Amino acid sequence: MLYEFKSKATGSVVMTRPVAERLLSIVGKSPGPQGIITVEQMGPAIAALQAAIAQESAEPPRQPGDTGRSEPAADETPDARHSISLAQRAWPLLEMLGQAKAAGKDITWGV
């Protein structure tokens, strides 16, 4: 399933469900088939994403051999094995939030 974020101030941003739901939970929104981030909520949402990115950056990087396994655990998603940072995943939404906030336009999403 894909999430599509839209705003009249920007183009659309499309994300896979796991990524979108992680970012929505960071900004304090309940994942679901539809939703909105209002202009008033964008400042705190940007701050929450930036804080989560800073926290992840402060942690030591996880090495592929940390678990002693060559194969992922049954509950480990393929994304968990790759070193795609939260900053990289959040960047499109952060950009959208900043532009929409400056333009005074809400962001909505749908699946």
C-alpha atoms as a PDB file:
ATOM      1  CA  MET A   1       0.000   0.000   0.000  1.00  0.00           C
ATOM      2  CA  LEU A   2       1.179   3.512  -0.764  1.00  0.00           C
ATOM      3  CA  TYR A   3       0.494   6.797   0.967  1.00  0.00           C
ATOM      4  CA  GLU A   4       0.169   9.924  -1.164  1.00  0.00           C
ATOM      5  CA  PHE A   5       0.725  13.254   0.577  1.00  0.00           C
ATOM      6  CA  LYS A   6      -0.738  16.292  -1.207  1.00  0.00           C
ATOM      7  CA  SER A   7      -0.727  20.038  -0.726  1.00  0.00           C
ATOM      8  CA  LYS A   8      -1.819  22.930  -2.916  1.00  0.00           C
ATOM      9  CA  ALA A   9       1.615  24.443  -2.226  1.00  0.00           C
ATOM     10  CA  THR A  10       3.678  21.519  -3.530  1.00  0.00           C
ATOM     11  CA  GLY A  11       3.634  18.446  -5.702  1.00  0.00           C
ATOM     12  CA  SER A  12       2.640  15.084  -4.292  1.00  0.00           C
ATOM     13  CA  VAL A  13       4.904  12.870  -2.211  1.00  0.00           C
ATOM     14  CA  VAL A  14       4.346   9.112  -2.389  1.00  0.00           C
ATOM     15  CA  MET A  15       5.716   6.734   0.248  1.00  0.00           C
ATOM     16  CA  THR A  16       5.394   3.075   1.064  1.00  0.00           C
ATOM     17  CA  ARG A  17       3.160   2.199   3.983  1.00  0.00           C
ATOM     18  CA  PRO A  18       5.905   1.329   6.521  1.00  0.00           C
ATOM     19  CA  VAL A  19       7.825   4.549   5.870  1.00  0.00           C
ATOM     20  CA  ALA A  20       4.748   6.788   5.848  1.00  0.00           C
ATOM     21  CA  GLU A  21       3.336   5.241   9.004  1.00  0.00           C
ATOM     22  CA  ARG A  22       6.652   5.619  10.832  1.00  0.00           C
ATOM     23  CA  LEU A  23       6.853   9.296   9.874  1.00  0.00           C
ATOM     24  CA  LEU A  24       3.213   9.914  10.759  1.00  0.00           C
ATOM     25  CA  SER A  25       3.726   8.383  14.197  1.00  0.00           C
ATOM     26  CA  ILE A  26       6.775  10.604  14.755  1.00  0.00           C
ATOM     27  CA  VAL A  27       4.728  13.723  13.982  1.00  0.00           C
ATOM     28  CA  GLY A  28       1.912  12.556  16.255  1.00  0.00           C
ATOM     29  CA  LYS A  29      -0.597  11.523  13.600  1.00  0.00           C
ATOM     30  CA  SER A  30      -2.493   8.250  13.501  1.00  0.00           C
ATOM     31  CA  PRO A  31      -1.822   6.350  10.312  1.00  0.00           C
ATOM     32  CA  GLY A  32      -4.936   5.699   8.306  1.00  0.00           C
ATOM     33  CA  PRO A  33      -6.489   5.820   4.879  1.00  0.00           C
ATOM     34  CA  GLN A  34      -6.954   9.597   5.055  1.00  0.00           C
ATOM     35  CA  GLY A  35      -5.681  12.433   7.180  1.00  0.00           C
ATOM     36  CA  ILE A  36      -4.539  16.005   7.380  1.00  0.00           C
ATOM     37  CA  ILE A  37      -1.661  17.991   8.804  1.00  0.00           C
ATOM     38  CA  THR A  38      -2.899  21.529   9.300  1.00  0.00           C
ATOM     39  CA  VAL A  39      -0.701  24.581   8.951  1.00  0.00           C
ATOM     40  CA  GLU A  40      -0.826  25.000  12.746  1.00  0.00           C
ATOM     41  CA  GLN A  41       0.483  21.456  13.244  1.00  0.00           C
ATOM     42  CA  MET A  42       3.376  21.810  10.797  1.00  0.00           C
ATOM     43  CA  GLY A  43       5.812  23.596  13.117  1.00  0.00           C
ATOM     44  CA  PRO A  44       5.608  20.884  15.786  1.00  0.00           C
ATOM     45  CA  ALA A  45       5.669  18.183  13.070  1.00  0.00           C
ATOM     46  CA  ILE A  46       8.877  19.599  11.583  1.00  0.00           C
ATOM     47  CA  ALA A  47      10.434  19.846  15.056  1.00  0.00           C
ATOM     48  CA  ALA A  48       9.465  16.244  15.885  1.00  0.00           C
ATOM     49  CA  LEU A  49      10.975  14.902  12.661  1.00  0.00           C
ATOM     50  CA  GLN A  50      14.164  16.905  13.156  1.00  0.00           C
ATOM     51  CA  ALA A  51      14.462  15.659  16.759  1.00  0.00           C
ATOM     52  CA  ALA A  52      14.008  12.032  15.660  1.00  0.00           C
ATOM     53  CA  ILE A  53      16.625  12.510  12.943  1.00  0.00           C
ATOM     54  CA  ALA A  54      19.054  14.055  15.425  1.00  0.00           C
ATOM     55  CA  GLN A  55      18.484  11.192  17.866  1.00  0.00           C
ATOM     56  CA  GLU A  56      19.124   8.599  15.166  1.00  0.00           C
ATOM     57  CA  SER A  57      22.257  10.460  14.045  1.00  0.00           C
ATOM     58  CA  ALA A  58      23.603  10.398  17.607  1.00  0.00           C
ATOM     59  CA  GLU A  59      23.303   6.604  17.812  1.00  0.00           C
ATOM     60  CA  PRO A  60      26.243   4.518  16.637  1.00  0.00           C
ATOM     61  CA  PRO A  61      25.663   3.079  13.167  1.00  0.00           C
ATOM     62  CA  ARG A  62      24.387  -0.470  13.060  1.00  0.00           C
ATOM     63  CA  GLN A  63      26.744  -2.808  11.248  1.00  0.00           C
ATOM     64  CA  PRO A  64      25.398  -5.698   9.173  1.00  0.00           C
ATOM     65  CA  GLY A  65      27.264  -8.217  11.335  1.00  0.00           C
ATOM     66  CA  ASP A  66      26.041  -6.873  14.692  1.00  0.00           C
ATOM     67  CA  THR A  67      23.633  -9.781  15.186  1.00  0.00           C
ATOM     68  CA  GLY A  68      26.066 -12.466  14.153  1.00  0.00           C
ATOM     69  CA  ARG A  69      23.583 -13.628  11.510  1.00  0.00           C
ATOM     70  CA  SER A  70      24.094 -13.538   7.775  1.00  0.00           C
ATOM     71  CA  GLU A  71      20.338 -13.737   7.146  1.00  0.00           C
ATOM     72  CA  PRO A  72      17.701 -11.386   8.592  1.00  0.00           C
ATOM     73  CA  ALA A  73      15.512 -12.538  11.459  1.00  0.00           C
ATOM     74  CA  ALA A  74      11.980 -13.591  10.584  1.00  0.00           C
ATOM     75  CA  ASP A  75      10.567 -10.359  12.046  1.00  0.00           C
ATOM     76  CA  GLU A  76      13.172  -8.111  10.434  1.00  0.00           C
ATOM     77  CA  THR A  77      11.929  -6.187   7.418  1.00  0.00           C
ATOM     78  CA  PRO A  78      14.172  -5.873   4.368  1.00  0.00           C
ATOM     79  CA  ASP A  79      14.467  -2.119   5.075  1.00  0.00           C
ATOM     80  CA  ALA A  80      15.895  -2.823   8.526  1.00  0.00           C
ATOM     81  CA  ARG A  81      18.927  -4.452   6.895  1.00  0.00           C
ATOM     82  CA  HIS A  82      19.757  -1.464   4.718  1.00  0.00           C
ATOM     83  CA  SER A  83      21.393   1.679   5.944  1.00  0.00           C
ATOM     84  CA  ILE A  84      18.789   4.133   4.658  1.00  0.00           C
ATOM     85  CA  SER A  85      18.621   6.752   7.361  1.00  0.00           C
ATOM     86  CA  LEU A  86      15.563   8.399   8.804  1.00  0.00           C
ATOM     87  CA  ALA A  87      16.868  11.689   7.422  1.00  0.00           C
ATOM     88  CA  GLN A  88      16.803  10.267   3.896  1.00  0.00           C
ATOM     89  CA  ARG A  89      13.324   8.837   4.332  1.00  0.00           C
ATOM     90  CA  ALA A  90      11.907  11.973   5.960  1.00  0.00           C
ATOM     91  CA  TRP A  91      13.473  14.524   3.601  1.00  0.00           C
ATOM     92  CA  PRO A  92      10.597  14.650   1.054  1.00  0.00           C
ATOM     93  CA  LEU A  93       8.001  15.118   3.799  1.00  0.00           C
ATOM     94  CA  LEU A  94      10.154  17.681   5.618  1.00  0.00           C
ATOM     95  CA  GLU A  95      10.512  19.683   2.396  1.00  0.00           C
ATOM     96  CA  MET A  96       6.776  19.473   1.801  1.00  0.00           C
ATOM     97  CA  LEU A  97       6.007  20.542   5.362  1.00  0.00           C
ATOM     98  CA  GLY A  98       8.291  23.576   5.087  1.00  0.00           C
ATOM     99  CA  GLN A  99       6.897  24.717   1.744  1.00  0.00           C
ATOM    100  CA  ALA A 100       3.265  24.129   2.731  1.00  0.00           C
ATOM    101  CA  LYS A 101       3.761  25.965   6.020  1.00  0.00           C
ATOM    102  CA  ALA A 102       5.312  28.950   4.231  1.00  0.00           C
ATOM    103  CA  ALA A 103       2.395  29.025   1.798  1.00  0.00           C
ATOM    104  CA  GLY A 104      -0.216  28.528   4.516  1.00  0.00           C
ATOM    105  CA  LYS A 105      -1.616  25.356   2.927  1.00  0.00           C
ATOM    106  CA  ASP A 106      -2.580  22.103   4.673  1.00  0.00           C
ATOM    107  CA  ILE A 107      -1.195  18.677   3.738  1.00  0.00           C
ATOM    108  CA  THR A 108      -3.594  15.802   3.257  1.00  0.00           C
ATOM    109  CA  TRP A 109      -2.938  12.155   2.628  1.00  0.00           C
ATOM    110  CA  GLY A 110      -4.730   9.169   1.266  1.00  0.00           C
ATOM    111  CA  VAL A 111      -3.947   5.581   0.421  1.00  0.00           C
END
